[in-house]
PDB file of N, CA and C in Angstrom:
ATOM      1  N   UNK A   1      72.295   9.755 -13.472  1.00  0.00           N
ATOM      2  CA  UNK A   1      71.222   9.379 -14.766  1.00  0.00           C
ATOM      3  C   UNK A   1      70.402   8.834 -14.626  1.00  0.00           C
ATOM      4  N   UNK A   2      70.048   8.245 -13.638  1.00  0.00           N
ATOM      5  CA  UNK A   2      68.533   7.287 -12.990  1.00  0.00           C
ATOM      6  C   UNK A   2      67.898   8.773 -12.901  1.00  0.00           C
ATOM      7  N   UNK A   3      68.188   9.469 -12.322  1.00  0.00           N
ATOM      8  CA  UNK A   3      67.437  10.780 -11.695  1.00  0.00           C
ATOM      9  C   UNK A   3      66.799  11.599 -12.807  1.00  0.00           C
ATOM     10  N   UNK A   4      67.584  11.712 -14.231  1.00  0.00           N
ATOM     11  CA  UNK A   4      67.398  12.621 -15.048  1.00  0.00           C
ATOM     12  C   UNK A   4      66.341  11.441 -15.990  1.00  0.00           C
ATOM     13  N   UNK A   5      66.518  10.173 -15.983  1.00  0.00           N
ATOM     14  CA  UNK A   5      65.575   9.680 -17.036  1.00  0.00           C
ATOM     15  C   UNK A   5      63.776   9.738 -16.145  1.00  0.00           C
ATOM     16  N   UNK A   6      64.012   9.271 -14.781  1.00  0.00           N
ATOM     17  CA  UNK A   6      63.160   9.544 -14.273  1.00  0.00           C
ATOM     18  C   UNK A   6      62.154  11.216 -14.522  1.00  0.00           C
ATOM     19  N   UNK A   7      63.047  11.924 -14.442  1.00  0.00           N
ATOM     20  CA  UNK A   7      62.266  13.348 -14.967  1.00  0.00           C
ATOM     21  C   UNK A   7      61.922  13.292 -16.054  1.00  0.00           C
ATOM     22  N   UNK A   8      62.575  12.787 -17.321  1.00  0.00           N
ATOM     23  CA  UNK A   8      62.170  13.101 -18.615  1.00  0.00           C
ATOM     24  C   UNK A   8      60.932  11.960 -18.624  1.00  0.00           C
ATOM     25  N   UNK A   9      60.703  11.238 -18.098  1.00  0.00           N
ATOM     26  CA  UNK A   9      59.838  10.218 -18.191  1.00  0.00           C
ATOM     27  C   UNK A   9      58.570  10.807 -17.801  1.00  0.00           C
ATOM     28  N   UNK A  10      58.821  11.884 -16.719  1.00  0.00           N
ATOM     29  CA  UNK A  10      57.858  11.855 -16.370  1.00  0.00           C
ATOM     30  C   UNK A  10      56.994  12.875 -16.916  1.00  0.00           C
ATOM     31  N   UNK A  11      57.982  13.942 -17.415  1.00  0.00           N
ATOM     32  CA  UNK A  11      57.653  15.134 -18.395  1.00  0.00           C
ATOM     33  C   UNK A  11      56.741  14.606 -19.540  1.00  0.00           C
ATOM     34  N   UNK A  12      57.581  13.259 -19.795  1.00  0.00           N
ATOM     35  CA  UNK A  12      56.704  12.642 -21.517  1.00  0.00           C
ATOM     36  C   UNK A  12      55.251  12.296 -21.436  1.00  0.00           C
ATOM     37  N   UNK A  13      55.296  11.535 -20.046  1.00  0.00           N
ATOM     38  CA  UNK A  13      53.710  10.962 -19.331  1.00  0.00           C
ATOM     39  C   UNK A  13      53.110  12.053 -18.732  1.00  0.00           C
ATOM     40  N   UNK A  14      53.332  13.014 -18.388  1.00  0.00           N
ATOM     41  CA  UNK A  14      52.684  13.883 -18.045  1.00  0.00           C
ATOM     42  C   UNK A  14      51.782  15.178 -18.815  1.00  0.00           C
ATOM     43  N   UNK A  15      52.507  15.125 -20.155  1.00  0.00           N
ATOM     44  CA  UNK A  15      52.167  16.016 -21.106  1.00  0.00           C
ATOM     45  C   UNK A  15      50.893  15.646 -21.818  1.00  0.00           C
ATOM     46  N   UNK A  16      50.302  14.603 -21.281  1.00  0.00           N
ATOM     47  CA  UNK A  16      48.651  14.667 -22.008  1.00  0.00           C
ATOM     48  C   UNK A  16      47.676  14.819 -20.612  1.00  0.00           C
ATOM     49  N   UNK A  17      48.380  14.607 -19.255  1.00  0.00           N
ATOM     50  CA  UNK A  17      47.559  14.737 -18.363  1.00  0.00           C
ATOM     51  C   UNK A  17      47.468  16.250 -17.837  1.00  0.00           C
ATOM     52  N   UNK A  18      47.791  17.125 -18.438  1.00  0.00           N
ATOM     53  CA  UNK A  18      47.967  18.541 -18.265  1.00  0.00           C
ATOM     54  C   UNK A  18      47.657  19.414 -18.796  1.00  0.00           C
ATOM     55  N   UNK A  19      46.786  18.698 -20.142  1.00  0.00           N
ATOM     56  CA  UNK A  19      46.191  19.275 -20.858  1.00  0.00           C
ATOM     57  C   UNK A  19      45.026  20.024 -20.521  1.00  0.00           C
ATOM     58  N   UNK A  20      44.639  19.089 -19.530  1.00  0.00           N
ATOM     59  CA  UNK A  20      43.222  20.391 -19.129  1.00  0.00           C
ATOM     60  C   UNK A  20      43.620  21.463 -18.156  1.00  0.00           C
ATOM     61  N   UNK A  21      44.131  21.384 -17.524  1.00  0.00           N
ATOM     62  CA  UNK A  21      45.403  22.312 -16.560  1.00  0.00           C
ATOM     63  C   UNK A  21      45.687  23.480 -17.512  1.00  0.00           C
ATOM     64  N   UNK A  22      46.102  23.298 -18.749  1.00  0.00           N
ATOM     65  CA  UNK A  22      46.628  24.446 -19.782  1.00  0.00           C
ATOM     66  C   UNK A  22      45.812  25.430 -20.533  1.00  0.00           C
ATOM     67  N   UNK A  23      44.527  24.578 -20.246  1.00  0.00           N
ATOM     68  CA  UNK A  23      43.310  25.313 -21.007  1.00  0.00           C
ATOM     69  C   UNK A  23      43.662  26.753 -20.705  1.00  0.00           C
ATOM     70  N   UNK A  24      42.851  27.368 -21.672  1.00  0.00           N
ATOM     71  CA  UNK A  24      42.378  29.092 -21.682  1.00  0.00           C
ATOM     72  C   UNK A  24      41.288  29.003 -20.303  1.00  0.00           C
ATOM     73  N   UNK A  25      41.243  29.981 -19.521  1.00  0.00           N
ATOM     74  CA  UNK A  25      40.075  30.007 -18.813  1.00  0.00           C
ATOM     75  C   UNK A  25      38.513  29.869 -19.270  1.00  0.00           C
ATOM     76  N   UNK A  26      38.520  30.918 -20.442  1.00  0.00           N
ATOM     77  CA  UNK A  26      37.169  30.574 -20.899  1.00  0.00           C
ATOM     78  C   UNK A  26      37.099  28.966 -21.481  1.00  0.00           C
ATOM     79  N   UNK A  27      37.992  28.498 -21.350  1.00  0.00           N
ATOM     80  CA  UNK A  27      37.526  27.057 -22.170  1.00  0.00           C
ATOM     81  C   UNK A  27      37.411  25.791 -20.745  1.00  0.00           C
ATOM     82  N   UNK A  28      38.113  26.324 -20.150  1.00  0.00           N
ATOM     83  CA  UNK A  28      37.513  25.716 -18.978  1.00  0.00           C
ATOM     84  C   UNK A  28      36.561  25.495 -18.048  1.00  0.00           C
ATOM     85  N   UNK A  29      36.158  27.602 -18.078  1.00  0.00           N
ATOM     86  CA  UNK A  29      34.669  27.580 -17.783  1.00  0.00           C
ATOM     87  C   UNK A  29      33.816  27.130 -18.359  1.00  0.00           C
ATOM     88  N   UNK A  30      33.553  26.909 -19.618  1.00  0.00           N
ATOM     89  CA  UNK A  30      32.652  26.431 -20.683  1.00  0.00           C
ATOM     90  C   UNK A  30      32.633  24.999 -20.191  1.00  0.00           C
ATOM     91  N   UNK A  31      33.637  24.080 -19.712  1.00  0.00           N
ATOM     92  CA  UNK A  31      33.835  22.994 -19.340  1.00  0.00           C
ATOM     93  C   UNK A  31      32.968  22.351 -18.338  1.00  0.00           C
ATOM     94  N   UNK A  32      33.711  23.523 -17.363  1.00  0.00           N
ATOM     95  CA  UNK A  32      32.871  23.201 -15.861  1.00  0.00           C
ATOM     96  C   UNK A  32      31.392  23.693 -15.958  1.00  0.00           C
ATOM     97  N   UNK A  33      30.771  24.507 -16.504  1.00  0.00           N
ATOM     98  CA  UNK A  33      29.557  25.225 -16.852  1.00  0.00           C
ATOM     99  C   UNK A  33      28.716  23.673 -17.158  1.00  0.00           C
ATOM    100  N   UNK A  34      29.436  22.677 -18.766  1.00  0.00           N
ATOM    101  CA  UNK A  34      28.694  21.618 -19.291  1.00  0.00           C
ATOM    102  C   UNK A  34      28.827  20.347 -18.530  1.00  0.00           C
ATOM    103  N   UNK A  35      29.869  19.959 -17.669  1.00  0.00           N
ATOM    104  CA  UNK A  35      29.934  19.113 -16.740  1.00  0.00           C
ATOM    105  C   UNK A  35      29.130  19.341 -15.693  1.00  0.00           C
ATOM    106  N   UNK A  36      29.101  20.774 -15.295  1.00  0.00           N
ATOM    107  CA  UNK A  36      28.341  20.421 -13.671  1.00  0.00           C
ATOM    108  C   UNK A  36      26.780  20.666 -14.080  1.00  0.00           C
ATOM    109  N   UNK A  37      26.433  21.359 -15.456  1.00  0.00           N
ATOM    110  CA  UNK A  37      24.668  21.339 -15.504  1.00  0.00           C
ATOM    111  C   UNK A  37      24.481  19.841 -16.028  1.00  0.00           C
ATOM    112  N   UNK A  38      25.614  18.948 -16.508  1.00  0.00           N
ATOM    113  CA  UNK A  38      24.742  17.699 -16.982  1.00  0.00           C
ATOM    114  C   UNK A  38      24.916  16.771 -15.762  1.00  0.00           C
ATOM    115  N   UNK A  39      25.671  16.864 -14.613  1.00  0.00           N
ATOM    116  CA  UNK A  39      25.644  16.464 -13.438  1.00  0.00           C
ATOM    117  C   UNK A  39      24.402  16.695 -12.452  1.00  0.00           C
ATOM    118  N   UNK A  40      24.044  17.871 -12.650  1.00  0.00           N
ATOM    119  CA  UNK A  40      22.958  18.388 -12.172  1.00  0.00           C
ATOM    120  C   UNK A  40      21.478  18.152 -12.642  1.00  0.00           C
ATOM    121  N   UNK A  41      21.572  17.740 -13.930  1.00  0.00           N
ATOM    122  CA  UNK A  41      20.612  16.845 -14.567  1.00  0.00           C
ATOM    123  C   UNK A  41      20.247  15.312 -13.983  1.00  0.00           C
ATOM    124  N   UNK A  42      21.400  14.844 -14.303  1.00  0.00           N
ATOM    125  CA  UNK A  42      21.446  13.575 -13.712  1.00  0.00           C
ATOM    126  C   UNK A  42      20.886  13.554 -12.339  1.00  0.00           C
ATOM    127  N   UNK A  43      21.768  13.830 -11.278  1.00  0.00           N
ATOM    128  CA  UNK A  43      20.919  13.901 -10.241  1.00  0.00           C
ATOM    129  C   UNK A  43      19.495  14.084 -10.242  1.00  0.00           C
ATOM    130  N   UNK A  44      19.014  14.999 -10.320  1.00  0.00           N
ATOM    131  CA  UNK A  44      17.297  15.380 -10.328  1.00  0.00           C
ATOM    132  C   UNK A  44      16.741  14.433 -11.082  1.00  0.00           C
ATOM    133  N   UNK A  45      16.988  13.854 -12.070  1.00  0.00           N
ATOM    134  CA  UNK A  45      16.161  12.869 -12.925  1.00  0.00           C
ATOM    135  C   UNK A  45      16.589  11.433 -12.572  1.00  0.00           C
ATOM    136  N   UNK A  46      17.552  11.383 -11.423  1.00  0.00           N
ATOM    137  CA  UNK A  46      17.610   9.798 -10.454  1.00  0.00           C
ATOM    138  C   UNK A  46      16.895   8.862 -10.685  1.00  0.00           C
ATOM    139  N   UNK A  47      15.703   9.930  -9.578  1.00  0.00           N
ATOM    140  CA  UNK A  47      14.659   9.135  -9.071  1.00  0.00           C
ATOM    141  C   UNK A  47      13.476   9.448  -9.657  1.00  0.00           C
ATOM    142  N   UNK A  48      13.457   9.801 -10.788  1.00  0.00           N
ATOM    143  CA  UNK A  48      12.174  10.275 -12.372  1.00  0.00           C
ATOM    144  C   UNK A  48      11.658   8.870 -12.456  1.00  0.00           C
ATOM    145  N   UNK A  49      10.412   9.230 -12.475  1.00  0.00           N
ATOM    146  CA  UNK A  49       9.589   7.930 -13.577  1.00  0.00           C
ATOM    147  C   UNK A  49       9.336   8.491 -14.648  1.00  0.00           C
ATOM    148  N   UNK A  50       9.362   9.424 -15.207  1.00  0.00           N
ATOM    149  CA  UNK A  50       9.756  10.541 -16.589  1.00  0.00           C
ATOM    150  C   UNK A  50      10.713  10.599 -16.659  1.00  0.00           C
ATOM    151  N   UNK A  51      11.854  10.241 -17.079  1.00  0.00           N
ATOM    152  CA  UNK A  51      13.025  11.004 -17.365  1.00  0.00           C
ATOM    153  C   UNK A  51      13.403  11.729 -18.579  1.00  0.00           C
ATOM    154  N   UNK A  52      12.710  11.252 -19.965  1.00  0.00           N
ATOM    155  CA  UNK A  52      12.735  12.507 -20.702  1.00  0.00           C
ATOM    156  C   UNK A  52      12.354  13.402 -20.841  1.00  0.00           C
ATOM    157  N   UNK A  53      11.295  13.747 -19.768  1.00  0.00           N
ATOM    158  CA  UNK A  53      10.356  15.207 -19.756  1.00  0.00           C
ATOM    159  C   UNK A  53      11.100  15.736 -18.649  1.00  0.00           C
ATOM    160  N   UNK A  54      11.631  15.095 -17.832  1.00  0.00           N
ATOM    161  CA  UNK A  54      12.316  15.688 -16.518  1.00  0.00           C
ATOM    162  C   UNK A  54      13.311  16.076 -16.813  1.00  0.00           C
ATOM    163  N   UNK A  55      14.474  15.449 -17.619  1.00  0.00           N
ATOM    164  CA  UNK A  55      15.737  15.998 -17.950  1.00  0.00           C
ATOM    165  C   UNK A  55      15.363  17.951 -18.946  1.00  0.00           C
ATOM    166  N   UNK A  56      14.532  17.588 -19.730  1.00  0.00           N
ATOM    167  CA  UNK A  56      14.064  18.668 -20.362  1.00  0.00           C
ATOM    168  C   UNK A  56      13.864  19.854 -19.488  1.00  0.00           C
ATOM    169  N   UNK A  57      12.773  19.623 -18.457  1.00  0.00           N
ATOM    170  CA  UNK A  57      12.532  20.355 -17.625  1.00  0.00           C
ATOM    171  C   UNK A  57      13.456  21.066 -16.618  1.00  0.00           C
ATOM    172  N   UNK A  58      14.562  19.910 -16.108  1.00  0.00           N
ATOM    173  CA  UNK A  58      15.549  20.482 -15.305  1.00  0.00           C
ATOM    174  C   UNK A  58      16.889  21.205 -15.902  1.00  0.00           C
ATOM    175  N   UNK A  59      16.794  21.210 -17.669  1.00  0.00           N
ATOM    176  CA  UNK A  59      17.841  21.533 -18.143  1.00  0.00           C
ATOM    177  C   UNK A  59      18.247  22.855 -18.399  1.00  0.00           C
ATOM    178  N   UNK A  60      17.185  23.839 -17.717  1.00  0.00           N
ATOM    179  CA  UNK A  60      17.087  25.186 -17.995  1.00  0.00           C
ATOM    180  C   UNK A  60      17.478  25.602 -16.563  1.00  0.00           C
ATOM    181  N   UNK A  61      17.155  25.478 -15.253  1.00  0.00           N
ATOM    182  CA  UNK A  61      17.786  25.831 -13.950  1.00  0.00           C
ATOM    183  C   UNK A  61      19.092  25.086 -13.881  1.00  0.00           C
ATOM    184  N   UNK A  62      19.651  24.221 -14.031  1.00  0.00           N
ATOM    185  CA  UNK A  62      20.539  23.464 -14.151  1.00  0.00           C
ATOM    186  C   UNK A  62      21.990  24.279 -14.493  1.00  0.00           C
ATOM    187  N   UNK A  63      21.642  24.784 -16.066  1.00  0.00           N
ATOM    188  CA  UNK A  63      22.538  25.382 -17.072  1.00  0.00           C
ATOM    189  C   UNK A  63      22.495  27.016 -16.240  1.00  0.00           C
ATOM    190  N   UNK A  64      21.708  27.327 -15.905  1.00  0.00           N
ATOM    191  CA  UNK A  64      21.622  28.782 -14.724  1.00  0.00           C
ATOM    192  C   UNK A  64      22.332  28.938 -13.720  1.00  0.00           C
ATOM    193  N   UNK A  65      22.368  27.594 -13.093  1.00  0.00           N
ATOM    194  CA  UNK A  65      23.126  27.892 -11.721  1.00  0.00           C
ATOM    195  C   UNK A  65      24.639  27.244 -12.225  1.00  0.00           C
ATOM    196  N   UNK A  66      24.644  26.685 -13.118  1.00  0.00           N
ATOM    197  CA  UNK A  66      26.167  26.244 -13.667  1.00  0.00           C
ATOM    198  C   UNK A  66      26.787  27.213 -13.978  1.00  0.00           C
ATOM    199  N   UNK A  67      26.150  28.397 -14.808  1.00  0.00           N
ATOM    200  CA  UNK A  67      26.739  29.837 -15.229  1.00  0.00           C
ATOM    201  C   UNK A  67      27.139  30.675 -13.971  1.00  0.00           C
ATOM    202  N   UNK A  68      26.137  30.738 -13.326  1.00  0.00           N
ATOM    203  CA  UNK A  68      26.306  31.422 -11.691  1.00  0.00           C
ATOM    204  C   UNK A  68      27.103  31.368 -11.106  1.00  0.00           C
ATOM    205  N   UNK A  69      27.618  30.134 -10.700  1.00  0.00           N
ATOM    206  CA  UNK A  69      28.611  29.259 -10.168  1.00  0.00           C
ATOM    207  C   UNK A  69      30.132  29.500 -10.564  1.00  0.00           C
ATOM    208  N   UNK A  70      29.838  29.380 -11.917  1.00  0.00           N
ATOM    209  CA  UNK A  70      31.279  29.462 -12.905  1.00  0.00           C
ATOM    210  C   UNK A  70      31.460  30.835 -12.854  1.00  0.00           C
ATOM    211  N   UNK A  71      30.914  31.876 -13.152  1.00  0.00           N
ATOM    212  CA  UNK A  71      31.432  33.363 -12.805  1.00  0.00           C
ATOM    213  C   UNK A  71      32.245  33.938 -11.921  1.00  0.00           C
ATOM    214  N   UNK A  72      31.779  33.136 -10.449  1.00  0.00           N
ATOM    215  CA  UNK A  72      32.706  33.524  -9.702  1.00  0.00           C
ATOM    216  C   UNK A  72      33.285  32.374  -8.638  1.00  0.00           C
ATOM    217  N   UNK A  73      33.688  31.269  -9.810  1.00  0.00           N
ATOM    218  CA  UNK A  73      34.192  30.202  -9.151  1.00  0.00           C
ATOM    219  C   UNK A  73      35.967  30.200  -9.300  1.00  0.00           C
ATOM    220  N   UNK A  74      36.638  30.197  -8.613  1.00  0.00           N
ATOM    221  CA  UNK A  74      38.084  29.839  -8.463  1.00  0.00           C
ATOM    222  C   UNK A  74      38.939  29.140  -9.269  1.00  0.00           C
ATOM    223  N   UNK A  75      40.247  29.313  -9.798  1.00  0.00           N
ATOM    224  CA  UNK A  75      40.608  28.405 -10.581  1.00  0.00           C
ATOM    225  C   UNK A  75      40.896  27.224  -9.806  1.00  0.00           C
ATOM    226  N   UNK A  76      41.464  27.439  -8.513  1.00  0.00           N
ATOM    227  CA  UNK A  76      41.357  26.199  -7.928  1.00  0.00           C
ATOM    228  C   UNK A  76      40.362  25.159  -7.578  1.00  0.00           C
ATOM    229  N   UNK A  77      39.396  25.713  -7.347  1.00  0.00           N
ATOM    230  CA  UNK A  77      38.086  25.111  -6.957  1.00  0.00           C
ATOM    231  C   UNK A  77      37.471  24.514  -8.200  1.00  0.00           C
ATOM    232  N   UNK A  78      37.459  25.346  -9.579  1.00  0.00           N
ATOM    233  CA  UNK A  78      37.478  24.533 -10.540  1.00  0.00           C
ATOM    234  C   UNK A  78      38.244  23.383 -11.112  1.00  0.00           C
ATOM    235  N   UNK A  79      39.316  23.306 -10.966  1.00  0.00           N
ATOM    236  CA  UNK A  79      40.176  22.361 -11.128  1.00  0.00           C
ATOM    237  C   UNK A  79      39.675  21.295 -10.382  1.00  0.00           C
ATOM    238  N   UNK A  80      39.532  21.248  -8.851  1.00  0.00           N
ATOM    239  CA  UNK A  80      39.374  20.421  -8.167  1.00  0.00           C
ATOM    240  C   UNK A  80      38.364  19.561  -8.490  1.00  0.00           C
ATOM    241  N   UNK A  81      37.160  20.230  -9.206  1.00  0.00           N
ATOM    242  CA  UNK A  81      36.018  19.874  -9.529  1.00  0.00           C
ATOM    243  C   UNK A  81      36.082  19.189 -11.077  1.00  0.00           C
ATOM    244  N   UNK A  82      36.857  19.411 -11.632  1.00  0.00           N
ATOM    245  CA  UNK A  82      37.177  18.704 -13.134  1.00  0.00           C
ATOM    246  C   UNK A  82      38.118  17.877 -13.087  1.00  0.00           C
ATOM    247  N   UNK A  83      39.196  18.040 -12.499  1.00  0.00           N
ATOM    248  CA  UNK A  83      40.270  16.901 -12.518  1.00  0.00           C
ATOM    249  C   UNK A  83      39.960  16.081 -11.254  1.00  0.00           C
ATOM    250  N   UNK A  84      40.080  16.308 -10.152  1.00  0.00           N
ATOM    251  CA  UNK A  84      40.065  15.797  -8.900  1.00  0.00           C
ATOM    252  C   UNK A  84      38.605  14.969  -8.717  1.00  0.00           C
ATOM    253  N   UNK A  85      37.397  15.469  -9.696  1.00  0.00           N
ATOM    254  CA  UNK A  85      36.069  15.006  -8.964  1.00  0.00           C
ATOM    255  C   UNK A  85      35.726  14.957  -7.513  1.00  0.00           C
ATOM    256  N   UNK A  86      35.812  16.134  -7.477  1.00  0.00           N
ATOM    257  CA  UNK A  86      35.712  16.584  -5.613  1.00  0.00           C
ATOM    258  C   UNK A  86      34.919  17.950  -5.756  1.00  0.00           C
ATOM    259  N   UNK A  87      33.739  17.992  -4.699  1.00  0.00           N
ATOM    260  CA  UNK A  87      33.453  19.247  -4.702  1.00  0.00           C
ATOM    261  C   UNK A  87      33.402  20.174  -3.150  1.00  0.00           C
ATOM    262  N   UNK A  88      34.389  21.040  -3.422  1.00  0.00           N
ATOM    263  CA  UNK A  88      34.640  21.681  -2.119  1.00  0.00           C
ATOM    264  C   UNK A  88      33.538  22.683  -1.669  1.00  0.00           C
ATOM    265  N   UNK A  89      33.735  22.798  -0.463  1.00  0.00           N
ATOM    266  CA  UNK A  89      32.778  23.257   0.480  1.00  0.00           C
ATOM    267  C   UNK A  89      32.344  25.018  -0.437  1.00  0.00           C
ATOM    268  N   UNK A  90      33.247  25.278  -0.680  1.00  0.00           N
ATOM    269  CA  UNK A  90      32.746  26.505  -1.080  1.00  0.00           C
ATOM    270  C   UNK A  90      31.746  26.461  -2.415  1.00  0.00           C
ATOM    271  N   UNK A  91      32.224  25.580  -3.436  1.00  0.00           N
ATOM    272  CA  UNK A  91      31.210  24.999  -4.479  1.00  0.00           C
ATOM    273  C   UNK A  91      29.501  24.641  -3.957  1.00  0.00           C
ATOM    274  N   UNK A  92      29.823  24.180  -2.926  1.00  0.00           N
ATOM    275  CA  UNK A  92      28.501  23.759  -2.163  1.00  0.00           C
ATOM    276  C   UNK A  92      27.616  25.340  -1.882  1.00  0.00           C
ATOM    277  N   UNK A  93      27.997  26.048  -1.271  1.00  0.00           N
ATOM    278  CA  UNK A  93      27.603  27.329  -1.178  1.00  0.00           C
ATOM    279  C   UNK A  93      27.271  28.131  -1.961  1.00  0.00           C
ATOM    280  N   UNK A  94      27.994  28.060  -3.331  1.00  0.00           N
ATOM    281  CA  UNK A  94      27.823  28.879  -3.841  1.00  0.00           C
ATOM    282  C   UNK A  94      26.380  28.006  -4.882  1.00  0.00           C
ATOM    283  N   UNK A  95      26.820  26.773  -4.632  1.00  0.00           N
ATOM    284  CA  UNK A  95      25.311  25.794  -5.540  1.00  0.00           C
ATOM    285  C   UNK A  95      23.776  26.756  -4.718  1.00  0.00           C
ATOM    286  N   UNK A  96      24.090  26.656  -3.632  1.00  0.00           N
ATOM    287  CA  UNK A  96      23.108  26.819  -3.064  1.00  0.00           C
ATOM    288  C   UNK A  96      22.453  28.755  -3.120  1.00  0.00           C
ATOM    289  N   UNK A  97      23.373  29.541  -3.536  1.00  0.00           N
ATOM    290  CA  UNK A  97      23.029  30.905  -3.263  1.00  0.00           C
ATOM    291  C   UNK A  97      22.580  30.931  -5.214  1.00  0.00           C
ATOM    292  N   UNK A  98      22.983  29.868  -6.062  1.00  0.00           N
ATOM    293  CA  UNK A  98      22.557  29.936  -7.492  1.00  0.00           C
ATOM    294  C   UNK A  98      21.296  29.432  -7.868  1.00  0.00           C
ATOM    295  N   UNK A  99      21.036  28.321  -6.577  1.00  0.00           N
ATOM    296  CA  UNK A  99      19.933  27.505  -7.098  1.00  0.00           C
ATOM    297  C   UNK A  99      18.571  28.832  -6.531  1.00  0.00           C
ATOM    298  N   UNK A 100      19.203  29.012  -5.093  1.00  0.00           N
ATOM    299  CA  UNK A 100      18.052  30.248  -4.919  1.00  0.00           C
ATOM    300  C   UNK A 100      17.495  30.946  -6.081  1.00  0.00           C
ATOM    301  N   UNK A 101      18.303  31.678  -6.767  1.00  0.00           N
ATOM    302  CA  UNK A 101      18.312  32.580  -7.524  1.00  0.00           C
ATOM    303  C   UNK A 101      17.361  31.744  -8.685  1.00  0.00           C
ATOM    304  N   UNK A 102      17.663  30.886  -9.233  1.00  0.00           N
ATOM    305  CA  UNK A 102      17.674  30.321 -10.922  1.00  0.00           C
ATOM    306  C   UNK A 102      16.549  29.987 -10.975  1.00  0.00           C
ATOM    307  N   UNK A 103      16.317  29.314  -9.525  1.00  0.00           N
ATOM    308  CA  UNK A 103      14.963  28.035  -9.501  1.00  0.00           C
ATOM    309  C   UNK A 103      13.504  29.110  -9.364  1.00  0.00           C
ATOM    310  N   UNK A 104      13.668  30.163  -8.830  1.00  0.00           N
ATOM    311  CA  UNK A 104      12.696  30.812  -8.088  1.00  0.00           C
ATOM    312  C   UNK A 104      11.673  31.183  -9.622  1.00  0.00           C
ATOM    313  N   UNK A 105      10.602  31.189  -9.649  1.00  0.00           N
ATOM    314  CA  UNK A 105       9.424  30.851 -10.635  1.00  0.00           C
ATOM    315  C   UNK A 105       8.503  32.400 -10.715  1.00  0.00           C
ATOM    316  N   UNK A 106       8.624  32.968  -9.319  1.00  0.00           N
ATOM    317  CA  UNK A 106       7.625  33.966  -8.963  1.00  0.00           C
ATOM    318  C   UNK A 106       8.327  35.176  -8.592  1.00  0.00           C
ATOM    319  N   UNK A 107       7.801  36.499  -8.851  1.00  0.00           N
ATOM    320  CA  UNK A 107       8.494  37.592  -8.497  1.00  0.00           C
ATOM    321  C   UNK A 107       8.177  37.533  -6.941  1.00  0.00           C
ATOM    322  N   UNK A 108       8.864  38.773  -6.047  1.00  0.00           N
ATOM    323  CA  UNK A 108       8.891  38.849  -5.078  1.00  0.00           C
ATOM    324  C   UNK A 108       7.503  39.384  -4.573  1.00  0.00           C
ATOM    325  N   UNK A 109       6.992  38.778  -3.295  1.00  0.00           N
ATOM    326  CA  UNK A 109       5.386  39.460  -3.113  1.00  0.00           C
ATOM    327  C   UNK A 109       5.974  41.349  -2.499  1.00  0.00           C
ATOM    328  N   UNK A 110       4.991  41.725  -2.851  1.00  0.00           N
ATOM    329  CA  UNK A 110       4.945  43.332  -2.834  1.00  0.00           C
ATOM    330  C   UNK A 110       4.094  43.292  -1.371  1.00  0.00           C
ATOM    331  N   UNK A 111       4.916  44.330  -0.515  1.00  0.00           N
ATOM    332  CA  UNK A 111       4.500  44.428   0.582  1.00  0.00           C
ATOM    333  C   UNK A 111       3.069  45.081   0.825  1.00  0.00           C
ATOM    334  N   UNK A 112       2.408  45.261   1.892  1.00  0.00           N
ATOM    335  CA  UNK A 112       1.080  45.584   2.125  1.00  0.00           C
ATOM    336  C   UNK A 112       1.277  47.555   2.641  1.00  0.00           C
ATOM    337  N   UNK A 113       2.307  47.473   3.016  1.00  0.00           N
ATOM    338  CA  UNK A 113       2.319  48.541   3.257  1.00  0.00           C
ATOM    339  C   UNK A 113       4.258  49.125   2.917  1.00  0.00           C
ATOM    340  N   UNK A 114       3.569  50.257   2.702  1.00  0.00           N
ATOM    341  CA  UNK A 114       4.824  50.907   2.310  1.00  0.00           C
ATOM    342  C   UNK A 114       5.444  52.325   2.800  1.00  0.00           C
ATOM    343  N   UNK A 115       6.535  52.042   3.906  1.00  0.00           N
ATOM    344  CA  UNK A 115       6.991  53.045   4.806  1.00  0.00           C
ATOM    345  C   UNK A 115       5.416  53.531   5.839  1.00  0.00           C
ATOM    346  N   UNK A 116       4.617  52.598   6.008  1.00  0.00           N
ATOM    347  CA  UNK A 116       3.744  53.158   7.342  1.00  0.00           C
ATOM    348  C   UNK A 116       2.527  53.453   6.699  1.00  0.00           C
ATOM    349  N   UNK A 117       2.430  53.797   5.149  1.00  0.00           N
ATOM    350  CA  UNK A 117       1.163  54.511   3.916  1.00  0.00           C
ATOM    351  C   UNK A 117       0.741  52.970   3.730  1.00  0.00           C
ATOM    352  N   UNK A 118      -0.610  53.072   3.623  1.00  0.00           N
ATOM    353  CA  UNK A 118      -1.598  51.793   3.047  1.00  0.00           C
ATOM    354  C   UNK A 118      -1.686  52.265   1.814  1.00  0.00           C
ATOM    355  N   UNK A 119      -1.660  51.159   0.985  1.00  0.00           N
ATOM    356  CA  UNK A 119      -1.611  51.240  -0.130  1.00  0.00           C
ATOM    357  C   UNK A 119      -2.840  51.103  -0.778  1.00  0.00           C
TER     358      UNK A 119
END
């Protein structure tokens, strides 16, 4: 009898905490993008002198990074970030790749020699 009560109480108590797990993948992805982008902006502005202007400046690259990461991020890693507030190693690696892509402002330089021919 005690065992059944404990299971029943666990189901009742855990119904609220499992709302994040039972979200649709699209809603979870959007929540990840928003959370990750806001944490990215706050991290970049932490030691800034003019925080308001820097928040606006970093909002676009951080949201680009969050979108690129969310497109290829697995469910387990997303849950670990959203629910456990941990950053898995694969997320850090994806951040580096996405940051390299999103922060580039200049086009790639053209080579002076094209297959041995001078331009």
